[in-house]
Amino acid sequence: MIRVIKRLFVYIGNCCPPPFNFFFYKIAGIKLGPGKIWIGNRCNFDTQFPENITILGNVCISFGVTFVTHFDPSEGINNHKINKYKKDITIKSGSFIGPNSIILPGVVIEENCLIKAGSVVEKTIPKNSIIEGNPCKIIGQINEKNINLINNANKNFRF
């Protein structure tokens, strides 16, 4: 029964505009914070296992980002031996995820990463990386000077 209620809160959060969605995601079991977090409109968090998603502080998630923490083909494919699994997703501080990106199971997005719009992230992303594409590729690195500039500017920004 509690699992159904948590699932309902994720659905409500997926439909609510910010900052109201944050409240419903927190109740559903998604680990958020500490620090500023912005979650945009129409994001889709996994309703089956929301507790497998961790988002640390100072993160900005743009609209339409999808988080998938599990794979269960057992109902759709008969007579095929495919393993089902669930894995955690972790987004560390200082990261930005662009619109309509997809984060797949088992991904860790390290500190200060920039994920461009429409990227499909299927592997762990190292610190200070800029990535894009399907599947995602590292196209650059952010240097320490720029990271400090961005983080200092974000201290005054109200999420």
C-alpha atoms as a PDB file:
ATOM      1  CA  MET A   1       0.000   0.000   0.000  1.00  0.00           C
ATOM      2  CA  ILE A   2       2.831   2.441   0.854  1.00  0.00           C
ATOM      3  CA  ARG A   3       4.507   1.624  -2.472  1.00  0.00           C
ATOM      4  CA  VAL A   4       1.307   2.579  -4.313  1.00  0.00           C
ATOM      5  CA  ILE A   5       1.080   5.875  -2.408  1.00  0.00           C
ATOM      6  CA  LYS A   6       4.737   6.675  -3.172  1.00  0.00           C
ATOM      7  CA  ARG A   7       4.109   5.884  -6.838  1.00  0.00           C
ATOM      8  CA  LEU A   8       1.146   8.268  -6.787  1.00  0.00           C
ATOM      9  CA  PHE A   9       3.319  11.051  -5.350  1.00  0.00           C
ATOM     10  CA  VAL A  10       5.862  10.552  -8.158  1.00  0.00           C
ATOM     11  CA  TYR A  11       3.046  10.821 -10.738  1.00  0.00           C
ATOM     12  CA  ILE A  12       1.786  14.019  -9.108  1.00  0.00           C
ATOM     13  CA  GLY A  13       5.332  15.441  -8.957  1.00  0.00           C
ATOM     14  CA  ASN A  14       5.823  14.612 -12.653  1.00  0.00           C
ATOM     15  CA  CYS A  15       2.753  16.747 -13.458  1.00  0.00           C
ATOM     16  CA  CYS A  16       3.328  19.664 -11.059  1.00  0.00           C
ATOM     17  CA  PRO A  17       5.295  22.783 -11.954  1.00  0.00           C
ATOM     18  CA  PRO A  18       8.358  23.772  -9.949  1.00  0.00           C
ATOM     19  CA  PRO A  19       8.833  24.344  -7.040  1.00  0.00           C
ATOM     20  CA  PHE A  20       5.770  22.242  -6.051  1.00  0.00           C
ATOM     21  CA  ASN A  21       7.122  19.099  -7.746  1.00  0.00           C
ATOM     22  CA  PHE A  22      10.083  19.067  -5.330  1.00  0.00           C
ATOM     23  CA  PHE A  23       7.716  18.485  -2.392  1.00  0.00           C
ATOM     24  CA  PHE A  24       6.037  15.460  -4.008  1.00  0.00           C
ATOM     25  CA  TYR A  25       9.331  13.909  -5.125  1.00  0.00           C
ATOM     26  CA  LYS A  26      10.698  14.210  -1.580  1.00  0.00           C
ATOM     27  CA  ILE A  27       7.607  12.457  -0.129  1.00  0.00           C
ATOM     28  CA  ALA A  28       7.904   9.720  -2.787  1.00  0.00           C
ATOM     29  CA  GLY A  29      11.375   8.780  -1.524  1.00  0.00           C
ATOM     30  CA  ILE A  30      13.708  10.464  -3.996  1.00  0.00           C
ATOM     31  CA  LYS A  31      16.794  11.562  -2.046  1.00  0.00           C
ATOM     32  CA  LEU A  32      17.178  15.328  -2.567  1.00  0.00           C
ATOM     33  CA  GLY A  33      19.707  17.805  -1.186  1.00  0.00           C
ATOM     34  CA  PRO A  34      21.103  19.365   0.843  1.00  0.00           C
ATOM     35  CA  GLY A  35      21.471  22.568  -1.146  1.00  0.00           C
ATOM     36  CA  LYS A  36      19.601  24.225  -3.961  1.00  0.00           C
ATOM     37  CA  ILE A  37      17.905  21.952  -6.485  1.00  0.00           C
ATOM     38  CA  TRP A  38      15.772  23.007  -9.434  1.00  0.00           C
ATOM     39  CA  ILE A  39      13.649  20.375 -11.160  1.00  0.00           C
ATOM     40  CA  GLY A  40      11.890  21.667 -14.280  1.00  0.00           C
ATOM     41  CA  ASN A  41       8.441  20.962 -15.698  1.00  0.00           C
ATOM     42  CA  ARG A  42       7.389  17.576 -17.052  1.00  0.00           C
ATOM     43  CA  CYS A  43      10.328  15.570 -15.728  1.00  0.00           C
ATOM     44  CA  ASN A  44       9.692  11.824 -15.527  1.00  0.00           C
ATOM     45  CA  PHE A  45      11.105  10.111 -12.467  1.00  0.00           C
ATOM     46  CA  ASP A  46      10.920   6.325 -12.258  1.00  0.00           C
ATOM     47  CA  THR A  47       7.657   5.431 -10.516  1.00  0.00           C
ATOM     48  CA  GLN A  48       8.666   1.859  -9.647  1.00  0.00           C
ATOM     49  CA  PHE A  49      11.806   2.626  -7.623  1.00  0.00           C
ATOM     50  CA  PRO A  50      12.008   6.356  -6.827  1.00  0.00           C
ATOM     51  CA  GLU A  51      14.156   5.584  -3.777  1.00  0.00           C
ATOM     52  CA  ASN A  52      17.015   4.612  -6.148  1.00  0.00           C
ATOM     53  CA  ILE A  53      17.434   8.240  -7.288  1.00  0.00           C
ATOM     54  CA  THR A  54      19.791  10.569  -5.389  1.00  0.00           C
ATOM     55  CA  ILE A  55      20.233  14.231  -6.308  1.00  0.00           C
ATOM     56  CA  LEU A  56      22.750  16.237  -4.294  1.00  0.00           C
ATOM     57  CA  GLY A  57      22.685  20.027  -3.876  1.00  0.00           C
ATOM     58  CA  ASN A  58      23.270  22.806  -6.394  1.00  0.00           C
ATOM     59  CA  VAL A  59      21.818  20.841  -9.299  1.00  0.00           C
ATOM     60  CA  CYS A  60      19.633  22.169 -12.102  1.00  0.00           C
ATOM     61  CA  ILE A  61      17.464  19.711 -14.026  1.00  0.00           C
ATOM     62  CA  SER A  62      15.759  21.237 -17.047  1.00  0.00           C
ATOM     63  CA  PHE A  63      12.296  20.283 -18.341  1.00  0.00           C
ATOM     64  CA  GLY A  64      11.414  16.863 -19.717  1.00  0.00           C
ATOM     65  CA  VAL A  65      14.339  14.921 -18.246  1.00  0.00           C
ATOM     66  CA  THR A  66      13.621  11.191 -17.764  1.00  0.00           C
ATOM     67  CA  PHE A  67      15.162   9.049 -15.008  1.00  0.00           C
ATOM     68  CA  VAL A  68      14.955   5.259 -15.455  1.00  0.00           C
ATOM     69  CA  THR A  69      16.225   3.087 -12.581  1.00  0.00           C
ATOM     70  CA  HIS A  70      15.035  -0.355 -13.658  1.00  0.00           C
ATOM     71  CA  PHE A  71      14.588  -2.699 -16.600  1.00  0.00           C
ATOM     72  CA  ASP A  72      11.872  -5.362 -16.487  1.00  0.00           C
ATOM     73  CA  PRO A  73      11.024  -6.954 -19.843  1.00  0.00           C
ATOM     74  CA  SER A  74       9.236  -9.952 -18.294  1.00  0.00           C
ATOM     75  CA  GLU A  75       5.713  -8.834 -19.172  1.00  0.00           C
ATOM     76  CA  GLY A  76       6.414  -7.700 -22.726  1.00  0.00           C
ATOM     77  CA  ILE A  77       8.646 -10.446 -24.132  1.00  0.00           C
ATOM     78  CA  ASN A  78       7.671 -14.106 -23.833  1.00  0.00           C
ATOM     79  CA  ASN A  79      10.058 -17.036 -24.171  1.00  0.00           C
ATOM     80  CA  HIS A  80      13.213 -14.900 -24.080  1.00  0.00           C
ATOM     81  CA  LYS A  81      15.759 -15.093 -21.301  1.00  0.00           C
ATOM     82  CA  ILE A  82      16.449 -11.441 -20.453  1.00  0.00           C
ATOM     83  CA  ASN A  83      17.518 -10.451 -16.952  1.00  0.00           C
ATOM     84  CA  LYS A  84      15.623  -7.758 -15.151  1.00  0.00           C
ATOM     85  CA  TYR A  85      17.521  -5.365 -12.899  1.00  0.00           C
ATOM     86  CA  LYS A  86      17.377  -2.117 -10.962  1.00  0.00           C
ATOM     87  CA  LYS A  87      20.272   0.226 -10.274  1.00  0.00           C
ATOM     88  CA  ASP A  88      20.808   3.562  -8.548  1.00  0.00           C
ATOM     89  CA  ILE A  89      21.124   6.936 -10.250  1.00  0.00           C
ATOM     90  CA  THR A  90      23.231   9.592  -8.499  1.00  0.00           C
ATOM     91  CA  ILE A  91      23.651  13.211  -9.565  1.00  0.00           C
ATOM     92  CA  LYS A  92      26.363  15.023  -7.652  1.00  0.00           C
ATOM     93  CA  SER A  93      26.570  18.742  -6.868  1.00  0.00           C
ATOM     94  CA  GLY A  94      27.093  21.479  -9.407  1.00  0.00           C
ATOM     95  CA  SER A  95      25.631  19.598 -12.378  1.00  0.00           C
ATOM     96  CA  PHE A  96      23.215  20.777 -15.065  1.00  0.00           C
ATOM     97  CA  ILE A  97      21.039  18.400 -17.097  1.00  0.00           C
ATOM     98  CA  GLY A  98      19.628  19.831 -20.324  1.00  0.00           C
ATOM     99  CA  PRO A  99      16.059  19.439 -21.589  1.00  0.00           C
ATOM    100  CA  ASN A 100      14.709  16.064 -22.723  1.00  0.00           C
ATOM    101  CA  SER A 101      17.792  14.125 -21.627  1.00  0.00           C
ATOM    102  CA  ILE A 102      17.442  10.501 -20.507  1.00  0.00           C
ATOM    103  CA  ILE A 103      19.381   9.124 -17.540  1.00  0.00           C
ATOM    104  CA  LEU A 104      19.556   5.306 -17.570  1.00  0.00           C
ATOM    105  CA  PRO A 105      20.078   2.830 -14.672  1.00  0.00           C
ATOM    106  CA  GLY A 106      23.427   2.734 -12.877  1.00  0.00           C
ATOM    107  CA  VAL A 107      24.574   6.214 -13.909  1.00  0.00           C
ATOM    108  CA  VAL A 108      26.615   8.466 -11.618  1.00  0.00           C
ATOM    109  CA  ILE A 109      26.959  12.049 -12.816  1.00  0.00           C
ATOM    110  CA  GLU A 110      29.984  13.442 -10.980  1.00  0.00           C
ATOM    111  CA  GLU A 111      30.458  17.044  -9.786  1.00  0.00           C
ATOM    112  CA  ASN A 112      30.159  20.053 -12.123  1.00  0.00           C
ATOM    113  CA  CYS A 113      28.964  18.243 -15.255  1.00  0.00           C
ATOM    114  CA  LEU A 114      27.029  19.829 -18.081  1.00  0.00           C
ATOM    115  CA  ILE A 115      24.735  17.532 -20.048  1.00  0.00           C
ATOM    116  CA  LYS A 116      23.453  19.075 -23.261  1.00  0.00           C
ATOM    117  CA  ALA A 117      19.851  18.802 -24.456  1.00  0.00           C
ATOM    118  CA  GLY A 118      18.574  15.433 -25.678  1.00  0.00           C
ATOM    119  CA  SER A 119      21.528  13.406 -24.398  1.00  0.00           C
ATOM    120  CA  VAL A 120      21.116   9.758 -23.456  1.00  0.00           C
ATOM    121  CA  VAL A 121      23.382   9.037 -20.486  1.00  0.00           C
ATOM    122  CA  GLU A 122      24.104   5.320 -20.093  1.00  0.00           C
ATOM    123  CA  LYS A 123      27.440   5.400 -18.250  1.00  0.00           C
ATOM    124  CA  THR A 124      29.132   7.243 -15.405  1.00  0.00           C
ATOM    125  CA  ILE A 125      30.259  10.765 -16.304  1.00  0.00           C
ATOM    126  CA  PRO A 126      33.603  12.013 -14.855  1.00  0.00           C
ATOM    127  CA  LYS A 127      33.991  15.336 -12.995  1.00  0.00           C
ATOM    128  CA  ASN A 128      33.885  18.629 -14.885  1.00  0.00           C
ATOM    129  CA  SER A 129      32.716  17.071 -18.176  1.00  0.00           C
ATOM    130  CA  ILE A 130      30.567  18.476 -20.958  1.00  0.00           C
ATOM    131  CA  ILE A 131      28.617  15.754 -22.736  1.00  0.00           C
ATOM    132  CA  GLU A 132      26.131  15.449 -25.579  1.00  0.00           C
ATOM    133  CA  GLY A 133      24.543  12.941 -27.919  1.00  0.00           C
ATOM    134  CA  ASN A 134      22.928   9.545 -28.122  1.00  0.00           C
ATOM    135  CA  PRO A 135      24.813   7.684 -26.784  1.00  0.00           C
ATOM    136  CA  CYS A 136      26.524  10.429 -24.839  1.00  0.00           C
ATOM    137  CA  LYS A 137      30.100  11.436 -25.593  1.00  0.00           C
ATOM    138  CA  ILE A 138      32.434  13.716 -23.676  1.00  0.00           C
ATOM    139  CA  ILE A 139      33.014  16.767 -25.865  1.00  0.00           C
ATOM    140  CA  GLY A 140      34.964  18.892 -23.408  1.00  0.00           C
ATOM    141  CA  GLN A 141      36.049  19.707 -19.878  1.00  0.00           C
ATOM    142  CA  ILE A 142      35.219  22.700 -17.685  1.00  0.00           C
ATOM    143  CA  ASN A 143      38.314  24.223 -16.076  1.00  0.00           C
ATOM    144  CA  GLU A 144      38.521  25.128 -12.374  1.00  0.00           C
ATOM    145  CA  LYS A 145      38.426  28.877 -13.013  1.00  0.00           C
ATOM    146  CA  ASN A 146      35.100  28.619 -14.854  1.00  0.00           C
ATOM    147  CA  ILE A 147      33.680  26.228 -12.265  1.00  0.00           C
ATOM    148  CA  ASN A 148      34.393  28.722  -9.478  1.00  0.00           C
ATOM    149  CA  LEU A 149      32.891  31.548 -11.550  1.00  0.00           C
ATOM    150  CA  ILE A 150      29.679  29.564 -12.197  1.00  0.00           C
ATOM    151  CA  ASN A 151      29.347  28.307  -8.618  1.00  0.00           C
ATOM    152  CA  ASN A 152      29.850  31.815  -7.163  1.00  0.00           C
ATOM    153  CA  ALA A 153      27.220  33.252  -9.531  1.00  0.00           C
ATOM    154  CA  ASN A 154      24.788  30.484  -8.560  1.00  0.00           C
ATOM    155  CA  LYS A 155      25.084  31.310  -4.847  1.00  0.00           C
ATOM    156  CA  ASN A 156      23.110  34.495  -5.511  1.00  0.00           C
ATOM    157  CA  PHE A 157      20.605  32.834  -7.852  1.00  0.00           C
ATOM    158  CA  ARG A 158      17.320  31.737  -6.331  1.00  0.00           C
ATOM    159  CA  PHE A 159      16.336  28.239  -7.395  1.00  0.00           C
END
